[in-house]
């Protein structure tokens, strides 16, 4: 997992040059979650555009505090990405 320093890259910056079959969107709430956050959704990307896989909304402008590229060929995922964003309790 690559951990970033401020200024954090955005989701849009991470997906602009590469298409991803599956992006695991994880949220880290400081002081409450494990190191890589909790699963909070998923999407794919094509030509820098976010394509939700779970009918949720994701924003290209959201800052990413950590990320990791991966693949799972047996699951049909050649280009996977995990992004961790910082969340907060409402």
C-alpha atoms as a PDB file:
ATOM      1  CA  UNK A   1       0.000   0.000   0.000  1.00  0.00           C
ATOM      2  CA  UNK A   2       1.370   3.414  -0.986  1.00  0.00           C
ATOM      3  CA  UNK A   3       0.655   6.034   1.694  1.00  0.00           C
ATOM      4  CA  UNK A   4       0.586   9.638   0.532  1.00  0.00           C
ATOM      5  CA  UNK A   5       1.485  12.913   2.202  1.00  0.00           C
ATOM      6  CA  UNK A   6      -0.381  16.186   1.746  1.00  0.00           C
ATOM      7  CA  UNK A   7      -1.259  17.396  -0.766  1.00  0.00           C
ATOM      8  CA  UNK A   8      -3.041  14.112  -1.348  1.00  0.00           C
ATOM      9  CA  UNK A   9      -3.735  12.927  -4.909  1.00  0.00           C
ATOM     10  CA  UNK A  10      -7.377  12.713  -5.933  1.00  0.00           C
ATOM     11  CA  UNK A  11      -9.247   9.698  -7.245  1.00  0.00           C
ATOM     12  CA  UNK A  12      -9.386  11.457 -10.619  1.00  0.00           C
ATOM     13  CA  UNK A  13      -5.614  11.857 -10.721  1.00  0.00           C
ATOM     14  CA  UNK A  14      -5.085   8.174  -9.934  1.00  0.00           C
ATOM     15  CA  UNK A  15      -7.496   6.892 -12.610  1.00  0.00           C
ATOM     16  CA  UNK A  16      -6.854   9.400 -15.413  1.00  0.00           C
ATOM     17  CA  UNK A  17      -4.163   7.399 -17.224  1.00  0.00           C
ATOM     18  CA  UNK A  18      -5.302   3.825 -16.626  1.00  0.00           C
ATOM     19  CA  UNK A  19      -8.564   1.903 -16.826  1.00  0.00           C
ATOM     20  CA  UNK A  20      -9.436  -0.238 -13.804  1.00  0.00           C
ATOM     21  CA  UNK A  21     -11.754  -3.255 -13.877  1.00  0.00           C
ATOM     22  CA  UNK A  22     -12.450  -2.879 -10.170  1.00  0.00           C
ATOM     23  CA  UNK A  23     -11.666  -0.159  -7.641  1.00  0.00           C
ATOM     24  CA  UNK A  24     -12.155  -1.041  -3.983  1.00  0.00           C
ATOM     25  CA  UNK A  25     -13.173   2.158  -2.181  1.00  0.00           C
ATOM     26  CA  UNK A  26     -12.200   2.049   1.490  1.00  0.00           C
ATOM     27  CA  UNK A  27     -12.814   4.625   4.204  1.00  0.00           C
ATOM     28  CA  UNK A  28     -10.511   5.233   7.150  1.00  0.00           C
ATOM     29  CA  UNK A  29     -11.901   6.992  10.213  1.00  0.00           C
ATOM     30  CA  UNK A  30      -8.853   8.052  12.259  1.00  0.00           C
ATOM     31  CA  UNK A  31      -8.771   6.422  15.674  1.00  0.00           C
ATOM     32  CA  UNK A  32     -11.546   3.955  14.833  1.00  0.00           C
ATOM     33  CA  UNK A  33     -10.579   1.841  11.834  1.00  0.00           C
ATOM     34  CA  UNK A  34      -7.856  -0.580  10.984  1.00  0.00           C
ATOM     35  CA  UNK A  35      -4.869   0.661   9.017  1.00  0.00           C
ATOM     36  CA  UNK A  36      -6.379   0.225   5.533  1.00  0.00           C
ATOM     37  CA  UNK A  37      -9.907   1.364   6.365  1.00  0.00           C
ATOM     38  CA  UNK A  38     -13.238  -0.371   5.962  1.00  0.00           C
ATOM     39  CA  UNK A  39     -14.757  -1.394   2.632  1.00  0.00           C
ATOM     40  CA  UNK A  40     -17.262   1.290   1.611  1.00  0.00           C
ATOM     41  CA  UNK A  41     -17.999   0.555  -2.058  1.00  0.00           C
ATOM     42  CA  UNK A  42     -16.650  -0.212  -5.492  1.00  0.00           C
ATOM     43  CA  UNK A  43     -16.461   1.168  -9.004  1.00  0.00           C
ATOM     44  CA  UNK A  44     -14.570   0.705 -12.242  1.00  0.00           C
ATOM     45  CA  UNK A  45     -12.988   3.374 -14.402  1.00  0.00           C
ATOM     46  CA  UNK A  46     -12.619   3.914 -18.116  1.00  0.00           C
ATOM     47  CA  UNK A  47     -10.936   6.898 -19.792  1.00  0.00           C
ATOM     48  CA  UNK A  48     -10.731   8.658 -16.426  1.00  0.00           C
ATOM     49  CA  UNK A  49     -14.466   8.298 -15.755  1.00  0.00           C
ATOM     50  CA  UNK A  50     -15.884   6.612 -12.645  1.00  0.00           C
ATOM     51  CA  UNK A  51     -18.429   3.850 -13.335  1.00  0.00           C
ATOM     52  CA  UNK A  52     -20.200   2.829 -10.080  1.00  0.00           C
ATOM     53  CA  UNK A  53     -20.649  -0.926  -9.627  1.00  0.00           C
ATOM     54  CA  UNK A  54     -22.920  -0.565  -6.594  1.00  0.00           C
ATOM     55  CA  UNK A  55     -25.204   2.349  -7.594  1.00  0.00           C
ATOM     56  CA  UNK A  56     -23.410   4.692  -5.178  1.00  0.00           C
ATOM     57  CA  UNK A  57     -21.786   8.034  -6.017  1.00  0.00           C
ATOM     58  CA  UNK A  58     -18.032   8.591  -6.027  1.00  0.00           C
ATOM     59  CA  UNK A  59     -16.202  11.834  -6.718  1.00  0.00           C
ATOM     60  CA  UNK A  60     -13.070  12.271  -8.818  1.00  0.00           C
ATOM     61  CA  UNK A  61     -12.111  15.209  -6.575  1.00  0.00           C
ATOM     62  CA  UNK A  62     -11.962  13.092  -3.407  1.00  0.00           C
ATOM     63  CA  UNK A  63      -8.487  12.952  -1.850  1.00  0.00           C
ATOM     64  CA  UNK A  64      -6.804   9.556  -1.478  1.00  0.00           C
ATOM     65  CA  UNK A  65      -4.572   8.926   1.546  1.00  0.00           C
ATOM     66  CA  UNK A  66      -3.347   5.504   0.341  1.00  0.00           C
ATOM     67  CA  UNK A  67      -3.665   3.244  -2.703  1.00  0.00           C
ATOM     68  CA  UNK A  68      -2.510  -0.058  -4.111  1.00  0.00           C
ATOM     69  CA  UNK A  69      -2.736  -1.647  -7.562  1.00  0.00           C
ATOM     70  CA  UNK A  70      -3.463  -5.373  -7.738  1.00  0.00           C
ATOM     71  CA  UNK A  71      -4.962  -8.097  -9.916  1.00  0.00           C
ATOM     72  CA  UNK A  72      -7.058 -11.225  -9.440  1.00  0.00           C
ATOM     73  CA  UNK A  73      -7.034 -13.014 -12.811  1.00  0.00           C
ATOM     74  CA  UNK A  74      -9.161 -15.913 -11.522  1.00  0.00           C
ATOM     75  CA  UNK A  75     -11.883 -13.371 -10.665  1.00  0.00           C
ATOM     76  CA  UNK A  76     -11.553 -11.631 -14.052  1.00  0.00           C
ATOM     77  CA  UNK A  77      -9.799  -8.575 -12.619  1.00  0.00           C
ATOM     78  CA  UNK A  78      -6.669  -7.691 -14.584  1.00  0.00           C
ATOM     79  CA  UNK A  79      -6.348  -4.099 -13.316  1.00  0.00           C
ATOM     80  CA  UNK A  80      -7.530  -3.602  -9.743  1.00  0.00           C
ATOM     81  CA  UNK A  81      -6.995  -0.632  -7.473  1.00  0.00           C
ATOM     82  CA  UNK A  82      -7.665  -0.040  -3.798  1.00  0.00           C
ATOM     83  CA  UNK A  83      -8.132   3.574  -2.697  1.00  0.00           C
ATOM     84  CA  UNK A  84      -8.348   4.645   0.940  1.00  0.00           C
ATOM     85  CA  UNK A  85     -10.049   7.945   1.728  1.00  0.00           C
ATOM     86  CA  UNK A  86     -10.409   9.663   5.066  1.00  0.00           C
ATOM     87  CA  UNK A  87     -13.880   9.643   6.571  1.00  0.00           C
ATOM     88  CA  UNK A  88     -15.550  11.084   9.641  1.00  0.00           C
ATOM     89  CA  UNK A  89     -18.444  10.291  11.924  1.00  0.00           C
ATOM     90  CA  UNK A  90     -21.531  12.369  11.196  1.00  0.00           C
END
